[in-house]
PDB file of N, CA and C in Angstrom:
ATOM      1  N   GLN A   1       0.784  -1.285  -0.072  1.00  0.00           N
ATOM      2  CA  GLN A   1      -0.076  -0.062  -0.096  1.00  0.00           C
ATOM      3  C   GLN A   1       0.835   1.185  -0.101  1.00  0.00           C
ATOM      4  N   CYS A   2       0.631   2.122  -1.035  1.00  0.00           N
ATOM      5  CA  CYS A   2       1.257   3.422  -0.982  1.00  0.00           C
ATOM      6  C   CYS A   2       0.675   4.490  -0.199  1.00  0.00           C
ATOM      7  N   GLN A   3       1.495   5.276   0.474  1.00  0.00           N
ATOM      8  CA  GLN A   3       0.948   6.414   1.326  1.00  0.00           C
ATOM      9  C   GLN A   3       1.689   7.829   0.603  1.00  0.00           C
ATOM     10  N   TYR A   4       0.773   8.602   0.496  1.00  0.00           N
ATOM     11  CA  TYR A   4       1.229   9.975  -0.028  1.00  0.00           C
ATOM     12  C   TYR A   4       0.992  11.112   0.808  1.00  0.00           C
ATOM     13  N   LYS A   5       1.717  12.148   0.833  1.00  0.00           N
ATOM     14  CA  LYS A   5       1.655  13.288   1.542  1.00  0.00           C
ATOM     15  C   LYS A   5       1.489  14.409   0.504  1.00  0.00           C
ATOM     16  N   ILE A   6       0.411  14.983   0.472  1.00  0.00           N
ATOM     17  CA  ILE A   6       0.134  16.308  -0.312  1.00  0.00           C
ATOM     18  C   ILE A   6       0.440  17.766   0.323  1.00  0.00           C
ATOM     19  N   ARG A   7       1.608  18.381  -0.285  1.00  0.00           N
ATOM     20  CA  ARG A   7       2.048  19.448   0.441  1.00  0.00           C
ATOM     21  C   ARG A   7       1.302  20.751  -0.146  1.00  0.00           C
ATOM     22  N   ASP A   8       0.891  21.486   0.799  1.00  0.00           N
ATOM     23  CA  ASP A   8       0.207  22.839   0.454  1.00  0.00           C
ATOM     24  C   ASP A   8       1.156  23.836   0.726  1.00  0.00           C
ATOM     25  N   ASP A   9       1.594  24.366  -0.490  1.00  0.00           N
ATOM     26  CA  ASP A   9       2.555  25.414  -0.576  1.00  0.00           C
ATOM     27  C   ASP A   9       2.098  26.778  -0.263  1.00  0.00           C
ATOM     28  N   SER A  10       0.655  26.871  -0.137  1.00  0.00           N
ATOM     29  CA  SER A  10       0.201  28.218  -0.079  1.00  0.00           C
ATOM     30  C   SER A  10       0.051  28.544   1.379  1.00  0.00           C
ATOM     31  N   VAL A  11       0.444  27.658   2.331  1.00  0.00           N
ATOM     32  CA  VAL A  11       0.312  27.794   3.740  1.00  0.00           C
ATOM     33  C   VAL A  11       1.622  27.816   4.212  1.00  0.00           C
ATOM     34  N   ARG A  12       1.939  28.884   5.294  1.00  0.00           N
ATOM     35  CA  ARG A  12       3.226  28.733   5.937  1.00  0.00           C
ATOM     36  C   ARG A  12       2.874  28.640   7.574  1.00  0.00           C
ATOM     37  N   PRO A  13       3.620  27.643   8.194  1.00  0.00           N
ATOM     38  CA  PRO A  13       4.523  26.710   7.628  1.00  0.00           C
ATOM     39  C   PRO A  13       3.684  25.703   6.736  1.00  0.00           C
ATOM     40  N   ARG A  14       4.483  24.997   5.913  1.00  0.00           N
ATOM     41  CA  ARG A  14       3.860  24.108   4.767  1.00  0.00           C
ATOM     42  C   ARG A  14       2.796  23.056   5.597  1.00  0.00           C
ATOM     43  N   HIS A  15       1.781  22.862   5.032  1.00  0.00           N
ATOM     44  CA  HIS A  15       0.893  21.993   5.619  1.00  0.00           C
ATOM     45  C   HIS A  15       0.820  20.621   4.567  1.00  0.00           C
ATOM     46  N   PHE A  16       0.746  19.473   5.336  1.00  0.00           N
ATOM     47  CA  PHE A  16       0.578  18.302   4.561  1.00  0.00           C
ATOM     48  C   PHE A  16      -0.807  17.580   4.649  1.00  0.00           C
ATOM     49  N   LEU A  17      -1.397  17.216   3.578  1.00  0.00           N
ATOM     50  CA  LEU A  17      -2.594  16.514   3.799  1.00  0.00           C
ATOM     51  C   LEU A  17      -2.262  15.007   3.440  1.00  0.00           C
ATOM     52  N   GLY A  18      -2.552  14.010   4.184  1.00  0.00           N
ATOM     53  CA  GLY A  18      -2.341  12.654   4.011  1.00  0.00           C
ATOM     54  C   GLY A  18      -3.442  12.125   2.938  1.00  0.00           C
ATOM     55  N   ALA A  19      -3.096  10.992   2.257  1.00  0.00           N
ATOM     56  CA  ALA A  19      -3.802  10.332   1.421  1.00  0.00           C
ATOM     57  C   ALA A  19      -3.269   8.892   1.032  1.00  0.00           C
ATOM     58  N   ASP A  20      -4.084   7.856   0.992  1.00  0.00           N
ATOM     59  CA  ASP A  20      -3.416   6.668   0.710  1.00  0.00           C
ATOM     60  C   ASP A  20      -4.148   5.962  -0.570  1.00  0.00           C
ATOM     61  N   ASN A  21      -5.016   6.722  -1.132  1.00  0.00           N
ATOM     62  CA  ASN A  21      -5.678   5.942  -2.164  1.00  0.00           C
ATOM     63  C   ASN A  21      -5.898   7.000  -3.463  1.00  0.00           C
ATOM     64  N   VAL A  22      -6.229   6.597  -4.632  1.00  0.00           N
ATOM     65  CA  VAL A  22      -6.383   7.541  -5.712  1.00  0.00           C
ATOM     66  C   VAL A  22      -7.586   8.449  -5.512  1.00  0.00           C
ATOM     67  N   ASP A  23      -8.739   8.049  -4.955  1.00  0.00           N
ATOM     68  CA  ASP A  23      -9.912   8.850  -4.680  1.00  0.00           C
ATOM     69  C   ASP A  23      -9.559  10.123  -3.692  1.00  0.00           C
ATOM     70  N   GLU A  24      -8.852   9.762  -2.583  1.00  0.00           N
ATOM     71  CA  GLU A  24      -8.446  10.819  -1.899  1.00  0.00           C
ATOM     72  C   GLU A  24      -7.444  11.843  -2.320  1.00  0.00           C
ATOM     73  N   ILE A  25      -6.541  11.284  -3.145  1.00  0.00           N
ATOM     74  CA  ILE A  25      -5.604  12.334  -3.733  1.00  0.00           C
ATOM     75  C   ILE A  25      -6.280  13.209  -4.912  1.00  0.00           C
ATOM     76  N   GLU A  26      -7.283  12.557  -5.713  1.00  0.00           N
ATOM     77  CA  GLU A  26      -8.150  13.451  -6.675  1.00  0.00           C
ATOM     78  C   GLU A  26      -8.871  14.308  -5.840  1.00  0.00           C
ATOM     79  N   ALA A  27      -9.514  13.968  -4.735  1.00  0.00           N
ATOM     80  CA  ALA A  27     -10.373  14.971  -4.096  1.00  0.00           C
ATOM     81  C   ALA A  27      -9.750  16.078  -3.443  1.00  0.00           C
ATOM     82  N   ILE A  28      -8.553  15.840  -2.960  1.00  0.00           N
ATOM     83  CA  ILE A  28      -7.504  16.935  -2.548  1.00  0.00           C
ATOM     84  C   ILE A  28      -7.103  17.849  -3.717  1.00  0.00           C
ATOM     85  N   LEU A  29      -6.669  17.309  -4.762  1.00  0.00           N
ATOM     86  CA  LEU A  29      -6.158  18.099  -5.877  1.00  0.00           C
ATOM     87  C   LEU A  29      -7.300  18.879  -6.507  1.00  0.00           C
ATOM     88  N   LEU A  30      -8.413  18.254  -6.764  1.00  0.00           N
ATOM     89  CA  LEU A  30      -9.582  19.101  -7.403  1.00  0.00           C
ATOM     90  C   LEU A  30     -10.099  20.263  -6.250  1.00  0.00           C
ATOM     91  N   ASP A  31      -9.777  20.108  -5.146  1.00  0.00           N
ATOM     92  CA  ASP A  31     -10.395  21.090  -4.374  1.00  0.00           C
ATOM     93  C   ASP A  31      -9.335  22.258  -4.019  1.00  0.00           C
ATOM     94  N   ARG A  32      -8.184  21.981  -4.345  1.00  0.00           N
ATOM     95  CA  ARG A  32      -6.995  23.148  -3.960  1.00  0.00           C
ATOM     96  C   ARG A  32      -5.947  23.311  -5.109  1.00  0.00           C
ATOM     97  N   GLU A  33      -5.242  24.326  -5.022  1.00  0.00           N
ATOM     98  CA  GLU A  33      -4.247  24.527  -5.823  1.00  0.00           C
ATOM     99  C   GLU A  33      -2.922  24.777  -5.130  1.00  0.00           C
ATOM    100  N   GLY A  34      -1.883  24.581  -5.774  1.00  0.00           N
ATOM    101  CA  GLY A  34      -0.629  24.975  -5.161  1.00  0.00           C
ATOM    102  C   GLY A  34      -0.185  23.691  -4.269  1.00  0.00           C
ATOM    103  N   HIS A  35      -0.431  22.666  -4.895  1.00  0.00           N
ATOM    104  CA  HIS A  35      -0.001  21.383  -4.123  1.00  0.00           C
ATOM    105  C   HIS A  35       1.065  20.629  -4.850  1.00  0.00           C
ATOM    106  N   SER A  36       1.905  19.902  -4.119  1.00  0.00           N
ATOM    107  CA  SER A  36       2.911  18.966  -4.694  1.00  0.00           C
ATOM    108  C   SER A  36       2.501  17.599  -4.173  1.00  0.00           C
ATOM    109  N   LEU A  37       2.773  16.436  -5.059  1.00  0.00           N
ATOM    110  CA  LEU A  37       2.452  15.207  -4.302  1.00  0.00           C
ATOM    111  C   LEU A  37       3.875  14.640  -4.139  1.00  0.00           C
ATOM    112  N   HIS A  38       3.930  14.053  -2.777  1.00  0.00           N
ATOM    113  CA  HIS A  38       5.124  13.578  -2.311  1.00  0.00           C
ATOM    114  C   HIS A  38       4.938  12.004  -1.819  1.00  0.00           C
ATOM    115  N   GLU A  39       5.896  11.074  -2.219  1.00  0.00           N
ATOM    116  CA  GLU A  39       5.405   9.734  -1.822  1.00  0.00           C
ATOM    117  C   GLU A  39       6.143   9.558  -0.434  1.00  0.00           C
ATOM    118  N   PHE A  40       5.420   9.004   0.522  1.00  0.00           N
ATOM    119  CA  PHE A  40       6.010   8.706   1.765  1.00  0.00           C
ATOM    120  C   PHE A  40       6.578   7.368   1.845  1.00  0.00           C
ATOM    121  N   ILE A  41       7.916   7.135   1.910  1.00  0.00           N
ATOM    122  CA  ILE A  41       8.587   6.002   1.595  1.00  0.00           C
ATOM    123  C   ILE A  41       8.735   5.289   2.976  1.00  0.00           C
ATOM    124  N   ASP A  42       9.255   5.933   3.939  1.00  0.00           N
ATOM    125  CA  ASP A  42       9.427   5.329   5.206  1.00  0.00           C
ATOM    126  C   ASP A  42       9.380   6.530   6.253  1.00  0.00           C
ATOM    127  N   GLY A  43       9.074   6.066   7.596  1.00  0.00           N
ATOM    128  CA  GLY A  43       9.137   7.086   8.461  1.00  0.00           C
ATOM    129  C   GLY A  43      10.225   7.793   8.907  1.00  0.00           C
ATOM    130  N   ASP A  44      11.438   7.452   8.483  1.00  0.00           N
ATOM    131  CA  ASP A  44      12.678   8.031   8.863  1.00  0.00           C
ATOM    132  C   ASP A  44      13.299   8.671   7.636  1.00  0.00           C
ATOM    133  N   GLU A  45      12.555   8.340   6.460  1.00  0.00           N
ATOM    134  CA  GLU A  45      13.219   8.980   5.117  1.00  0.00           C
ATOM    135  C   GLU A  45      12.424  10.200   4.917  1.00  0.00           C
ATOM    136  N   PRO A  46      13.117  11.171   4.224  1.00  0.00           N
ATOM    137  CA  PRO A  46      12.511  12.322   3.888  1.00  0.00           C
ATOM    138  C   PRO A  46      11.257  12.175   2.928  1.00  0.00           C
ATOM    139  N   LEU A  47      10.437  13.171   2.799  1.00  0.00           N
ATOM    140  CA  LEU A  47       9.364  12.923   1.680  1.00  0.00           C
ATOM    141  C   LEU A  47      10.127  13.358   0.321  1.00  0.00           C
ATOM    142  N   ARG A  48       9.806  12.656  -0.684  1.00  0.00           N
ATOM    143  CA  ARG A  48      10.367  12.657  -1.985  1.00  0.00           C
ATOM    144  C   ARG A  48       9.165  13.335  -2.939  1.00  0.00           C
ATOM    145  N   PRO A  49       9.619  14.391  -3.517  1.00  0.00           N
ATOM    146  CA  PRO A  49       8.525  15.014  -4.415  1.00  0.00           C
ATOM    147  C   PRO A  49       8.533  14.171  -5.608  1.00  0.00           C
ATOM    148  N   ILE A  50       7.305  13.867  -6.066  1.00  0.00           N
ATOM    149  CA  ILE A  50       7.267  13.182  -7.471  1.00  0.00           C
ATOM    150  C   ILE A  50       6.217  13.701  -8.274  1.00  0.00           C
ATOM    151  N   ILE A  51       5.471  14.780  -7.978  1.00  0.00           N
ATOM    152  CA  ILE A  51       4.777  15.620  -8.971  1.00  0.00           C
ATOM    153  C   ILE A  51       4.768  16.941  -8.344  1.00  0.00           C
ATOM    154  N   ASP A  52       4.964  17.825  -9.145  1.00  0.00           N
ATOM    155  CA  ASP A  52       4.937  19.287  -9.049  1.00  0.00           C
ATOM    156  C   ASP A  52       3.806  19.834  -9.851  1.00  0.00           C
ATOM    157  N   PHE A  53       2.401  19.958  -9.108  1.00  0.00           N
ATOM    158  CA  PHE A  53       1.417  20.567 -10.104  1.00  0.00           C
ATOM    159  C   PHE A  53       1.495  21.951 -10.602  1.00  0.00           C
ATOM    160  N   ASP A  54       2.410  22.564 -10.005  1.00  0.00           N
ATOM    161  CA  ASP A  54       2.420  23.975 -10.490  1.00  0.00           C
ATOM    162  C   ASP A  54       3.710  24.497 -11.081  1.00  0.00           C
ATOM    163  N   LEU A  55       4.164  23.456 -12.013  1.00  0.00           N
ATOM    164  CA  LEU A  55       5.192  23.758 -12.742  1.00  0.00           C
ATOM    165  C   LEU A  55       4.925  24.697 -13.847  1.00  0.00           C
ATOM    166  N   PRO A  56       5.673  25.553 -14.372  1.00  0.00           N
ATOM    167  CA  PRO A  56       5.345  26.432 -15.571  1.00  0.00           C
ATOM    168  C   PRO A  56       5.347  25.603 -16.915  1.00  0.00           C
ATOM    169  N   GLN A  57       4.513  26.122 -17.784  1.00  0.00           N
ATOM    170  CA  GLN A  57       4.318  25.284 -19.103  1.00  0.00           C
ATOM    171  C   GLN A  57       5.643  25.138 -19.735  1.00  0.00           C
ATOM    172  N   GLU A  58       6.695  25.993 -19.505  1.00  0.00           N
ATOM    173  CA  GLU A  58       7.751  25.910 -20.314  1.00  0.00           C
ATOM    174  C   GLU A  58       8.761  24.629 -19.769  1.00  0.00           C
ATOM    175  N   VAL A  59       8.493  24.430 -18.385  1.00  0.00           N
ATOM    176  CA  VAL A  59       9.228  23.093 -17.810  1.00  0.00           C
ATOM    177  C   VAL A  59       8.341  21.821 -18.113  1.00  0.00           C
ATOM    178  N   LEU A  60       7.083  22.036 -18.187  1.00  0.00           N
ATOM    179  CA  LEU A  60       6.279  20.838 -18.622  1.00  0.00           C
ATOM    180  C   LEU A  60       6.589  20.377 -20.161  1.00  0.00           C
ATOM    181  N   ASP A  61       6.931  21.349 -20.895  1.00  0.00           N
ATOM    182  CA  ASP A  61       7.219  21.053 -22.423  1.00  0.00           C
ATOM    183  C   ASP A  61       8.598  20.458 -22.385  1.00  0.00           C
ATOM    184  N   THR A  62       9.387  20.612 -21.516  1.00  0.00           N
ATOM    185  CA  THR A  62      10.785  19.744 -21.498  1.00  0.00           C
ATOM    186  C   THR A  62      10.699  18.256 -21.078  1.00  0.00           C
ATOM    187  N   ILE A  63       9.658  17.966 -20.322  1.00  0.00           N
ATOM    188  CA  ILE A  63       9.579  16.675 -19.727  1.00  0.00           C
ATOM    189  C   ILE A  63       9.058  15.365 -20.754  1.00  0.00           C
ATOM    190  N   GLU A  64       9.967  14.544 -20.877  1.00  0.00           N
ATOM    191  CA  GLU A  64       9.583  13.238 -21.822  1.00  0.00           C
ATOM    192  C   GLU A  64       8.925  12.229 -20.729  1.00  0.00           C
ATOM    193  N   PRO A  65       8.031  11.489 -21.126  1.00  0.00           N
ATOM    194  CA  PRO A  65       7.125  11.732 -22.178  1.00  0.00           C
ATOM    195  C   PRO A  65       6.324  13.022 -22.021  1.00  0.00           C
ATOM    196  N   LYS A  66       5.722  13.794 -23.071  1.00  0.00           N
ATOM    197  CA  LYS A  66       5.175  14.997 -22.844  1.00  0.00           C
ATOM    198  C   LYS A  66       4.007  14.957 -21.811  1.00  0.00           C
ATOM    199  N   LEU A  67       3.901  16.000 -20.981  1.00  0.00           N
ATOM    200  CA  LEU A  67       2.907  16.174 -19.993  1.00  0.00           C
ATOM    201  C   LEU A  67       2.039  17.395 -20.375  1.00  0.00           C
ATOM    202  N   THR A  68       0.684  17.253 -20.042  1.00  0.00           N
ATOM    203  CA  THR A  68      -0.158  18.458 -19.854  1.00  0.00           C
ATOM    204  C   THR A  68      -0.640  18.840 -18.702  1.00  0.00           C
ATOM    205  N   ARG A  69      -1.228  19.996 -18.690  1.00  0.00           N
ATOM    206  CA  ARG A  69      -1.975  20.306 -17.244  1.00  0.00           C
ATOM    207  C   ARG A  69      -2.953  19.400 -16.870  1.00  0.00           C
ATOM    208  N   LYS A  70      -3.703  18.606 -17.789  1.00  0.00           N
ATOM    209  CA  LYS A  70      -4.695  17.537 -17.494  1.00  0.00           C
ATOM    210  C   LYS A  70      -4.049  16.447 -16.877  1.00  0.00           C
ATOM    211  N   GLU A  71      -2.904  16.120 -17.211  1.00  0.00           N
ATOM    212  CA  GLU A  71      -2.097  14.881 -16.817  1.00  0.00           C
ATOM    213  C   GLU A  71      -1.482  15.433 -15.372  1.00  0.00           C
TER     214      GLU A  71
END
């Protein structure tokens, strides 16, 4: 089972919302902007960013395979 933390960059200090399934992740991301998705690997390991939903379009254009805002 994967566990994820979604970081809210619009709040200081940063606020993390927990999610452990696709439905929870989608609900959080649909409701908010300014979030990054982090995979929670182990309690002693730092959070690893795996998706940054606020990348500028120029950065998205350089990623292979191509990503769009909808992805």
